């Protein structure tokens, strides 16, 4: 973990966060405990007792440490809540701080999603666009020069030509495709996102998970399918989610620099079976 990827919002234990922060510093944090001790007015040995043992920083020390760590307002509040959570003396108080932490984390994730995804289509069009897998598939295929005609798309996706024609007409009508004439179509608006609060999000997710199941019958060496069921502590579950979120961000970054040559799909799920 490095300073670019380290985020306090990936942690539910302030000591684990501080250990990761120290490892990410130059020379793996050599000398940092002494500097922290100076900032929060204590002996460096006590800093080690807190990070490595059962002792805790006072809230006054945590506030000073916040400044040293250069946290912004939201990060500072989150860090202080983590310290309060660790210091809580009973389950009732711990539950109180856990609720506050979750509220901050939910707002943080929502804001990050809004920053990463700014292009959506009106809800009246979403009902059609997300009604079947082939709408998004055809829309995406148009970015590949080899698949910019009805016939090529129909052959690639094994769809009837009439169905492809209907989809293309819809995409053109809402600005997601452009009819260049001569039977050639190019993409319009791309990078479309559907928010979790959309009534059609569940349909979109299920469309592509059904396709993933179908692909199991003809998997090749370039593809990957993985499923796992395990047990984990509640405090580590958000860290697992953060790992997957980072993987998604890395995939997005790769796609921005990649050429348009083949259609692919990836699905990620992390959930509590019910």
C-alpha atoms as a PDB file:
ATOM      1  CA  UNK A   1       0.000   0.000   0.000  1.00  0.00           C
ATOM      2  CA  UNK A   2       1.407   3.416  -0.906  1.00  0.00           C
ATOM      3  CA  UNK A   3       0.559   7.001  -0.128  1.00  0.00           C
ATOM      4  CA  UNK A   4      -1.532   7.314  -3.273  1.00  0.00           C
ATOM      5  CA  UNK A   5      -3.878   4.450  -2.467  1.00  0.00           C
ATOM      6  CA  UNK A   6      -3.963   4.729   1.342  1.00  0.00           C
ATOM      7  CA  UNK A   7      -7.342   6.003   2.514  1.00  0.00           C
ATOM      8  CA  UNK A   8      -8.617   6.176   6.065  1.00  0.00           C
ATOM      9  CA  UNK A   9     -12.082   5.259   4.759  1.00  0.00           C
ATOM     10  CA  UNK A  10     -10.762   1.757   4.036  1.00  0.00           C
ATOM     11  CA  UNK A  11     -10.201   1.081   7.750  1.00  0.00           C
ATOM     12  CA  UNK A  12     -12.343   0.361  10.808  1.00  0.00           C
ATOM     13  CA  UNK A  13      -9.444   0.343  13.277  1.00  0.00           C
ATOM     14  CA  UNK A  14      -7.358   3.471  13.709  1.00  0.00           C
ATOM     15  CA  UNK A  15      -4.333   1.447  14.813  1.00  0.00           C
ATOM     16  CA  UNK A  16      -4.351  -0.603  11.624  1.00  0.00           C
ATOM     17  CA  UNK A  17      -4.632   2.642   9.681  1.00  0.00           C
ATOM     18  CA  UNK A  18      -1.644   4.140  11.492  1.00  0.00           C
ATOM     19  CA  UNK A  19       0.412   0.989  10.899  1.00  0.00           C
ATOM     20  CA  UNK A  20      -0.390   1.180   7.188  1.00  0.00           C
ATOM     21  CA  UNK A  21       0.397   4.911   7.170  1.00  0.00           C
ATOM     22  CA  UNK A  22       3.795   4.257   8.762  1.00  0.00           C
ATOM     23  CA  UNK A  23       4.625   1.498   6.251  1.00  0.00           C
ATOM     24  CA  UNK A  24       3.756   3.854   3.400  1.00  0.00           C
ATOM     25  CA  UNK A  25       6.163   6.552   4.610  1.00  0.00           C
ATOM     26  CA  UNK A  26       9.762   6.873   3.474  1.00  0.00           C
ATOM     27  CA  UNK A  27      12.010   4.260   5.098  1.00  0.00           C
ATOM     28  CA  UNK A  28       8.797   2.533   6.269  1.00  0.00           C
ATOM     29  CA  UNK A  29       8.126   5.278   8.794  1.00  0.00           C
ATOM     30  CA  UNK A  30      11.508   5.278  10.526  1.00  0.00           C
ATOM     31  CA  UNK A  31      11.549   8.207  12.953  1.00  0.00           C
ATOM     32  CA  UNK A  32       7.838   8.960  12.501  1.00  0.00           C
ATOM     33  CA  UNK A  33       6.817   7.715  15.955  1.00  0.00           C
ATOM     34  CA  UNK A  34       9.194  10.213  17.516  1.00  0.00           C
ATOM     35  CA  UNK A  35       7.763  13.016  15.419  1.00  0.00           C
ATOM     36  CA  UNK A  36       4.215  11.956  16.335  1.00  0.00           C
ATOM     37  CA  UNK A  37       5.171  11.910  20.034  1.00  0.00           C
ATOM     38  CA  UNK A  38       6.476  15.442  19.732  1.00  0.00           C
ATOM     39  CA  UNK A  39       3.295  16.627  18.053  1.00  0.00           C
ATOM     40  CA  UNK A  40       0.904  15.064  20.578  1.00  0.00           C
ATOM     41  CA  UNK A  41       3.124  15.807  23.611  1.00  0.00           C
ATOM     42  CA  UNK A  42       3.996  12.344  24.875  1.00  0.00           C
ATOM     43  CA  UNK A  43       6.922   9.922  24.984  1.00  0.00           C
ATOM     44  CA  UNK A  44       7.677   7.982  21.793  1.00  0.00           C
ATOM     45  CA  UNK A  45       7.387   4.767  23.782  1.00  0.00           C
ATOM     46  CA  UNK A  46       3.748   5.548  24.475  1.00  0.00           C
ATOM     47  CA  UNK A  47       3.098   5.974  20.738  1.00  0.00           C
ATOM     48  CA  UNK A  48       4.402   2.432  20.247  1.00  0.00           C
ATOM     49  CA  UNK A  49       2.224   1.165  23.097  1.00  0.00           C
ATOM     50  CA  UNK A  50      -0.837   2.616  21.415  1.00  0.00           C
ATOM     51  CA  UNK A  51      -0.126   1.432  17.876  1.00  0.00           C
ATOM     52  CA  UNK A  52       1.171  -1.999  18.852  1.00  0.00           C
ATOM     53  CA  UNK A  53      -0.663  -2.607  22.133  1.00  0.00           C
ATOM     54  CA  UNK A  54      -3.854  -2.035  24.091  1.00  0.00           C
ATOM     55  CA  UNK A  55      -3.360   1.626  25.066  1.00  0.00           C
ATOM     56  CA  UNK A  56      -5.276   4.384  23.259  1.00  0.00           C
ATOM     57  CA  UNK A  57      -4.639   7.994  22.358  1.00  0.00           C
ATOM     58  CA  UNK A  58      -6.743  10.539  24.209  1.00  0.00           C
ATOM     59  CA  UNK A  59      -9.191  12.521  22.078  1.00  0.00           C
ATOM     60  CA  UNK A  60      -6.970  15.590  22.508  1.00  0.00           C
ATOM     61  CA  UNK A  61      -3.990  13.629  21.199  1.00  0.00           C
ATOM     62  CA  UNK A  62      -6.077  12.256  18.331  1.00  0.00           C
ATOM     63  CA  UNK A  63      -7.077  15.801  17.366  1.00  0.00           C
ATOM     64  CA  UNK A  64      -3.418  16.879  17.251  1.00  0.00           C
ATOM     65  CA  UNK A  65      -2.519  13.758  15.278  1.00  0.00           C
ATOM     66  CA  UNK A  66      -5.238  14.621  12.782  1.00  0.00           C
ATOM     67  CA  UNK A  67      -3.390  17.819  11.939  1.00  0.00           C
ATOM     68  CA  UNK A  68      -0.068  16.009  11.570  1.00  0.00           C
ATOM     69  CA  UNK A  69      -1.652  13.481   9.200  1.00  0.00           C
ATOM     70  CA  UNK A  70      -3.045  16.346   7.071  1.00  0.00           C
ATOM     71  CA  UNK A  71      -6.578  14.983   7.133  1.00  0.00           C
ATOM     72  CA  UNK A  72      -9.320  17.017   5.516  1.00  0.00           C
ATOM     73  CA  UNK A  73     -12.548  17.725   7.405  1.00  0.00           C
ATOM     74  CA  UNK A  74     -14.267  14.432   6.590  1.00  0.00           C
ATOM     75  CA  UNK A  75     -11.108  12.389   7.172  1.00  0.00           C
ATOM     76  CA  UNK A  76     -10.561  14.145  10.505  1.00  0.00           C
ATOM     77  CA  UNK A  77     -14.074  13.393  11.716  1.00  0.00           C
ATOM     78  CA  UNK A  78     -13.766   9.776  10.573  1.00  0.00           C
ATOM     79  CA  UNK A  79     -10.422   9.363  12.363  1.00  0.00           C
ATOM     80  CA  UNK A  80     -11.782  10.804  15.616  1.00  0.00           C
ATOM     81  CA  UNK A  81     -14.766   8.475  15.427  1.00  0.00           C
ATOM     82  CA  UNK A  82     -12.454   5.503  14.944  1.00  0.00           C
ATOM     83  CA  UNK A  83     -10.593   6.504  18.094  1.00  0.00           C
ATOM     84  CA  UNK A  84     -13.863   6.952  19.980  1.00  0.00           C
ATOM     85  CA  UNK A  85     -15.040   3.562  18.748  1.00  0.00           C
ATOM     86  CA  UNK A  86     -11.864   1.895  19.993  1.00  0.00           C
ATOM     87  CA  UNK A  87     -12.144   3.642  23.377  1.00  0.00           C
ATOM     88  CA  UNK A  88     -15.872   2.885  23.851  1.00  0.00           C
ATOM     89  CA  UNK A  89     -16.529   0.992  27.071  1.00  0.00           C
ATOM     90  CA  UNK A  90     -19.726  -0.852  26.164  1.00  0.00           C
ATOM     91  CA  UNK A  91     -21.661  -2.182  23.168  1.00  0.00           C
ATOM     92  CA  UNK A  92     -24.266   0.582  23.274  1.00  0.00           C
ATOM     93  CA  UNK A  93     -21.634   3.270  22.835  1.00  0.00           C
ATOM     94  CA  UNK A  94     -19.774   1.243  20.197  1.00  0.00           C
ATOM     95  CA  UNK A  95     -22.989   0.828  18.205  1.00  0.00           C
ATOM     96  CA  UNK A  96     -23.545   4.582  18.384  1.00  0.00           C
ATOM     97  CA  UNK A  97     -20.144   5.326  16.864  1.00  0.00           C
ATOM     98  CA  UNK A  98     -20.535   2.548  14.283  1.00  0.00           C
ATOM     99  CA  UNK A  99     -23.728   4.196  13.032  1.00  0.00           C
ATOM    100  CA  UNK A 100     -21.946   7.546  12.716  1.00  0.00           C
ATOM    101  CA  UNK A 101     -19.040   5.918  10.881  1.00  0.00           C
ATOM    102  CA  UNK A 102     -21.403   4.218   8.453  1.00  0.00           C
ATOM    103  CA  UNK A 103     -23.185   7.499   7.723  1.00  0.00           C
ATOM    104  CA  UNK A 104     -19.894   9.205   6.868  1.00  0.00           C
ATOM    105  CA  UNK A 105     -18.756   6.250   4.777  1.00  0.00           C
ATOM    106  CA  UNK A 106     -22.029   6.143   2.842  1.00  0.00           C
ATOM    107  CA  UNK A 107     -21.752   9.852   2.031  1.00  0.00           C
ATOM    108  CA  UNK A 108     -18.107   9.401   1.049  1.00  0.00           C
ATOM    109  CA  UNK A 109     -18.896   6.526  -1.311  1.00  0.00           C
ATOM    110  CA  UNK A 110     -21.851   8.375  -2.818  1.00  0.00           C
ATOM    111  CA  UNK A 111     -19.749  11.467  -3.467  1.00  0.00           C
ATOM    112  CA  UNK A 112     -16.956   9.381  -5.026  1.00  0.00           C
ATOM    113  CA  UNK A 113     -19.467   7.644  -7.286  1.00  0.00           C
ATOM    114  CA  UNK A 114     -20.928  10.969  -8.364  1.00  0.00           C
ATOM    115  CA  UNK A 115     -17.467  12.277  -9.165  1.00  0.00           C
ATOM    116  CA  UNK A 116     -16.538   9.178 -11.171  1.00  0.00           C
ATOM    117  CA  UNK A 117     -19.822   8.878 -13.045  1.00  0.00           C
ATOM    118  CA  UNK A 118     -21.379  12.029 -14.405  1.00  0.00           C
ATOM    119  CA  UNK A 119     -23.105  10.667 -17.525  1.00  0.00           C
ATOM    120  CA  UNK A 120     -26.546   9.142 -17.219  1.00  0.00           C
ATOM    121  CA  UNK A 121     -29.605   8.899 -19.429  1.00  0.00           C
ATOM    122  CA  UNK A 122     -33.098  10.120 -18.486  1.00  0.00           C
ATOM    123  CA  UNK A 123     -35.092   7.635 -16.429  1.00  0.00           C
ATOM    124  CA  UNK A 124     -37.811   7.346 -19.084  1.00  0.00           C
ATOM    125  CA  UNK A 125     -35.174   5.907 -21.453  1.00  0.00           C
ATOM    126  CA  UNK A 126     -33.544   3.729 -18.794  1.00  0.00           C
ATOM    127  CA  UNK A 127     -36.610   1.477 -18.761  1.00  0.00           C
ATOM    128  CA  UNK A 128     -35.786   0.383 -22.306  1.00  0.00           C
ATOM    129  CA  UNK A 129     -31.991   0.685 -22.254  1.00  0.00           C
ATOM    130  CA  UNK A 130     -31.643  -1.612 -19.238  1.00  0.00           C
ATOM    131  CA  UNK A 131     -34.496  -3.955 -20.140  1.00  0.00           C
ATOM    132  CA  UNK A 132     -32.184  -6.464 -21.882  1.00  0.00           C
ATOM    133  CA  UNK A 133     -28.454  -7.131 -22.042  1.00  0.00           C
ATOM    134  CA  UNK A 134     -28.166  -6.492 -25.767  1.00  0.00           C
ATOM    135  CA  UNK A 135     -28.922  -2.743 -25.516  1.00  0.00           C
ATOM    136  CA  UNK A 136     -25.721  -2.044 -23.586  1.00  0.00           C
ATOM    137  CA  UNK A 137     -23.840  -4.678 -25.608  1.00  0.00           C
ATOM    138  CA  UNK A 138     -24.757  -3.113 -28.957  1.00  0.00           C
ATOM    139  CA  UNK A 139     -24.074   0.386 -27.624  1.00  0.00           C
ATOM    140  CA  UNK A 140     -20.588  -0.714 -26.530  1.00  0.00           C
ATOM    141  CA  UNK A 141     -19.865  -2.670 -29.717  1.00  0.00           C
ATOM    142  CA  UNK A 142     -20.298   0.498 -31.771  1.00  0.00           C
ATOM    143  CA  UNK A 143     -16.973   1.754 -30.368  1.00  0.00           C
ATOM    144  CA  UNK A 144     -15.224  -1.067 -32.259  1.00  0.00           C
ATOM    145  CA  UNK A 145     -14.897  -0.193 -35.994  1.00  0.00           C
ATOM    146  CA  UNK A 146     -15.378  -3.848 -36.940  1.00  0.00           C
ATOM    147  CA  UNK A 147     -18.887  -3.830 -35.462  1.00  0.00           C
ATOM    148  CA  UNK A 148     -20.543  -0.705 -36.802  1.00  0.00           C
ATOM    149  CA  UNK A 149     -23.108  -2.311 -39.081  1.00  0.00           C
ATOM    150  CA  UNK A 150     -26.312  -4.214 -38.373  1.00  0.00           C
ATOM    151  CA  UNK A 151     -25.029  -7.376 -39.972  1.00  0.00           C
ATOM    152  CA  UNK A 152     -21.736  -7.440 -38.074  1.00  0.00           C
ATOM    153  CA  UNK A 153     -23.460  -6.789 -34.748  1.00  0.00           C
ATOM    154  CA  UNK A 154     -26.122  -9.426 -35.354  1.00  0.00           C
ATOM    155  CA  UNK A 155     -23.475 -12.029 -36.201  1.00  0.00           C
ATOM    156  CA  UNK A 156     -21.274 -11.152 -33.213  1.00  0.00           C
ATOM    157  CA  UNK A 157     -24.111 -11.248 -30.648  1.00  0.00           C
ATOM    158  CA  UNK A 158     -26.150 -13.988 -32.375  1.00  0.00           C
ATOM    159  CA  UNK A 159     -29.220 -11.783 -32.588  1.00  0.00           C
ATOM    160  CA  UNK A 160     -31.838 -11.436 -35.297  1.00  0.00           C
ATOM    161  CA  UNK A 161     -31.186  -8.583 -37.696  1.00  0.00           C
ATOM    162  CA  UNK A 162     -34.575  -7.031 -36.937  1.00  0.00           C
ATOM    163  CA  UNK A 163     -33.809  -6.912 -33.228  1.00  0.00           C
ATOM    164  CA  UNK A 164     -30.473  -5.177 -33.877  1.00  0.00           C
ATOM    165  CA  UNK A 165     -32.222  -2.665 -36.134  1.00  0.00           C
ATOM    166  CA  UNK A 166     -34.773  -1.832 -33.442  1.00  0.00           C
ATOM    167  CA  UNK A 167     -32.032  -1.321 -30.840  1.00  0.00           C
ATOM    168  CA  UNK A 168     -29.953   0.873 -33.125  1.00  0.00           C
ATOM    169  CA  UNK A 169     -32.968   3.055 -33.921  1.00  0.00           C
ATOM    170  CA  UNK A 170     -33.594   3.492 -30.200  1.00  0.00           C
ATOM    171  CA  UNK A 171     -29.939   4.335 -29.489  1.00  0.00           C
ATOM    172  CA  UNK A 172     -29.913   6.914 -32.280  1.00  0.00           C
ATOM    173  CA  UNK A 173     -33.167   8.458 -31.028  1.00  0.00           C
ATOM    174  CA  UNK A 174     -31.723   9.187 -27.555  1.00  0.00           C
ATOM    175  CA  UNK A 175     -28.235  10.257 -28.672  1.00  0.00           C
ATOM    176  CA  UNK A 176     -26.327   7.098 -27.770  1.00  0.00           C
ATOM    177  CA  UNK A 177     -25.551   6.298 -31.408  1.00  0.00           C
ATOM    178  CA  UNK A 178     -25.170   8.201 -34.672  1.00  0.00           C
ATOM    179  CA  UNK A 179     -26.383   6.992 -38.060  1.00  0.00           C
ATOM    180  CA  UNK A 180     -23.540   7.839 -40.421  1.00  0.00           C
ATOM    181  CA  UNK A 181     -25.448   6.656 -43.500  1.00  0.00           C
ATOM    182  CA  UNK A 182     -24.646   3.744 -45.722  1.00  0.00           C
ATOM    183  CA  UNK A 183     -25.536   1.288 -42.965  1.00  0.00           C
ATOM    184  CA  UNK A 184     -22.768   2.498 -40.644  1.00  0.00           C
ATOM    185  CA  UNK A 185     -23.359   3.501 -37.042  1.00  0.00           C
ATOM    186  CA  UNK A 186     -20.975   5.094 -34.551  1.00  0.00           C
ATOM    187  CA  UNK A 187     -21.298   5.616 -30.793  1.00  0.00           C
ATOM    188  CA  UNK A 188     -22.803   8.792 -29.358  1.00  0.00           C
ATOM    189  CA  UNK A 189     -22.673   9.399 -25.632  1.00  0.00           C
ATOM    190  CA  UNK A 190     -20.599   6.692 -23.915  1.00  0.00           C
ATOM    191  CA  UNK A 191     -19.490   5.850 -20.385  1.00  0.00           C
ATOM    192  CA  UNK A 192     -23.083   5.691 -19.176  1.00  0.00           C
ATOM    193  CA  UNK A 193     -23.660   4.928 -15.491  1.00  0.00           C
ATOM    194  CA  UNK A 194     -26.764   3.771 -13.674  1.00  0.00           C
ATOM    195  CA  UNK A 195     -26.953   4.750 -10.019  1.00  0.00           C
ATOM    196  CA  UNK A 196     -27.823   2.264  -7.282  1.00  0.00           C
ATOM    197  CA  UNK A 197     -30.933   4.357  -6.586  1.00  0.00           C
ATOM    198  CA  UNK A 198     -32.329   3.750 -10.078  1.00  0.00           C
ATOM    199  CA  UNK A 199     -35.335   1.394 -10.185  1.00  0.00           C
ATOM    200  CA  UNK A 200     -33.664  -0.327 -13.146  1.00  0.00           C
ATOM    201  CA  UNK A 201     -30.322  -1.054 -11.461  1.00  0.00           C
ATOM    202  CA  UNK A 202     -31.408  -4.524 -10.340  1.00  0.00           C
ATOM    203  CA  UNK A 203     -32.458  -5.405 -13.887  1.00  0.00           C
ATOM    204  CA  UNK A 204     -29.132  -4.226 -15.273  1.00  0.00           C
ATOM    205  CA  UNK A 205     -27.166  -6.275 -12.737  1.00  0.00           C
ATOM    206  CA  UNK A 206     -29.246  -9.402 -13.338  1.00  0.00           C
ATOM    207  CA  UNK A 207     -28.968  -9.079 -17.137  1.00  0.00           C
ATOM    208  CA  UNK A 208     -25.202  -9.407 -17.047  1.00  0.00           C
ATOM    209  CA  UNK A 209     -25.031 -11.990 -14.295  1.00  0.00           C
ATOM    210  CA  UNK A 210     -27.283 -14.216 -16.383  1.00  0.00           C
ATOM    211  CA  UNK A 211     -24.874 -13.745 -19.297  1.00  0.00           C
ATOM    212  CA  UNK A 212     -21.988 -14.630 -16.963  1.00  0.00           C
ATOM    213  CA  UNK A 213     -23.733 -17.900 -16.047  1.00  0.00           C
ATOM    214  CA  UNK A 214     -24.323 -18.668 -19.721  1.00  0.00           C
ATOM    215  CA  UNK A 215     -20.638 -18.067 -20.473  1.00  0.00           C
ATOM    216  CA  UNK A 216     -19.612 -20.821 -18.047  1.00  0.00           C
ATOM    217  CA  UNK A 217     -20.460 -23.383 -20.731  1.00  0.00           C
ATOM    218  CA  UNK A 218     -17.859 -21.972 -23.124  1.00  0.00           C
ATOM    219  CA  UNK A 219     -15.124 -20.406 -21.003  1.00  0.00           C
ATOM    220  CA  UNK A 220     -11.654 -20.035 -22.509  1.00  0.00           C
ATOM    221  CA  UNK A 221      -8.220 -19.372 -21.031  1.00  0.00           C
ATOM    222  CA  UNK A 222      -8.499 -15.575 -21.364  1.00  0.00           C
ATOM    223  CA  UNK A 223     -11.600 -15.423 -19.183  1.00  0.00           C
ATOM    224  CA  UNK A 224     -12.065 -15.674 -15.443  1.00  0.00           C
ATOM    225  CA  UNK A 225     -14.890 -16.881 -13.224  1.00  0.00           C
ATOM    226  CA  UNK A 226     -14.479 -16.975  -9.456  1.00  0.00           C
ATOM    227  CA  UNK A 227     -16.897 -17.536  -6.604  1.00  0.00           C
ATOM    228  CA  UNK A 228     -16.090 -17.877  -2.930  1.00  0.00           C
ATOM    229  CA  UNK A 229     -18.011 -18.026   0.331  1.00  0.00           C
ATOM    230  CA  UNK A 230     -16.183 -17.303   3.573  1.00  0.00           C
ATOM    231  CA  UNK A 231     -16.438 -15.745   7.005  1.00  0.00           C
ATOM    232  CA  UNK A 232     -14.870 -12.442   8.039  1.00  0.00           C
ATOM    233  CA  UNK A 233     -14.980 -10.019  10.945  1.00  0.00           C
ATOM    234  CA  UNK A 234     -17.436  -7.133  10.634  1.00  0.00           C
ATOM    235  CA  UNK A 235     -14.618  -4.588  10.855  1.00  0.00           C
ATOM    236  CA  UNK A 236     -12.783  -6.180   7.907  1.00  0.00           C
ATOM    237  CA  UNK A 237     -15.784  -6.421   5.592  1.00  0.00           C
ATOM    238  CA  UNK A 238     -15.532  -2.734   4.551  1.00  0.00           C
ATOM    239  CA  UNK A 239     -11.839  -3.324   3.789  1.00  0.00           C
ATOM    240  CA  UNK A 240     -12.784  -6.150   1.424  1.00  0.00           C
ATOM    241  CA  UNK A 241     -15.213  -3.799  -0.282  1.00  0.00           C
ATOM    242  CA  UNK A 242     -12.518  -1.145  -0.568  1.00  0.00           C
ATOM    243  CA  UNK A 243     -10.152  -3.652  -2.215  1.00  0.00           C
ATOM    244  CA  UNK A 244     -12.775  -4.432  -4.848  1.00  0.00           C
ATOM    245  CA  UNK A 245     -13.522  -0.726  -5.374  1.00  0.00           C
ATOM    246  CA  UNK A 246      -9.815  -0.109  -6.010  1.00  0.00           C
ATOM    247  CA  UNK A 247      -9.782  -2.992  -8.498  1.00  0.00           C
ATOM    248  CA  UNK A 248     -12.690  -1.365 -10.339  1.00  0.00           C
ATOM    249  CA  UNK A 249     -10.850   1.964 -10.410  1.00  0.00           C
ATOM    250  CA  UNK A 250      -7.738   0.273 -11.811  1.00  0.00           C
ATOM    251  CA  UNK A 251      -9.820  -1.404 -14.507  1.00  0.00           C
ATOM    252  CA  UNK A 252     -11.384   1.951 -15.433  1.00  0.00           C
ATOM    253  CA  UNK A 253      -7.930   3.533 -15.673  1.00  0.00           C
ATOM    254  CA  UNK A 254      -6.769   0.696 -17.938  1.00  0.00           C
ATOM    255  CA  UNK A 255      -9.827   1.068 -20.158  1.00  0.00           C
ATOM    256  CA  UNK A 256      -9.149   4.772 -20.657  1.00  0.00           C
ATOM    257  CA  UNK A 257      -5.759   3.952 -22.177  1.00  0.00           C
ATOM    258  CA  UNK A 258      -6.835   0.797 -24.008  1.00  0.00           C
ATOM    259  CA  UNK A 259      -7.911   0.431 -27.625  1.00  0.00           C
ATOM    260  CA  UNK A 260     -11.392  -0.672 -28.739  1.00  0.00           C
ATOM    261  CA  UNK A 261     -10.946  -4.195 -30.072  1.00  0.00           C
ATOM    262  CA  UNK A 262     -13.221  -6.639 -28.260  1.00  0.00           C
ATOM    263  CA  UNK A 263     -16.367  -6.634 -26.138  1.00  0.00           C
ATOM    264  CA  UNK A 264     -16.051  -7.866 -22.558  1.00  0.00           C
ATOM    265  CA  UNK A 265     -18.007  -7.900 -19.308  1.00  0.00           C
ATOM    266  CA  UNK A 266     -16.915  -8.030 -15.684  1.00  0.00           C
ATOM    267  CA  UNK A 267     -19.189  -8.365 -12.644  1.00  0.00           C
ATOM    268  CA  UNK A 268     -18.207  -7.956  -9.009  1.00  0.00           C
ATOM    269  CA  UNK A 269     -20.286  -8.962  -6.006  1.00  0.00           C
ATOM    270  CA  UNK A 270     -19.616  -8.761  -2.283  1.00  0.00           C
ATOM    271  CA  UNK A 271     -22.639  -9.444  -0.103  1.00  0.00           C
ATOM    272  CA  UNK A 272     -24.053 -11.192   2.925  1.00  0.00           C
ATOM    273  CA  UNK A 273     -26.066 -14.234   1.746  1.00  0.00           C
ATOM    274  CA  UNK A 274     -29.620 -14.086   3.092  1.00  0.00           C
END
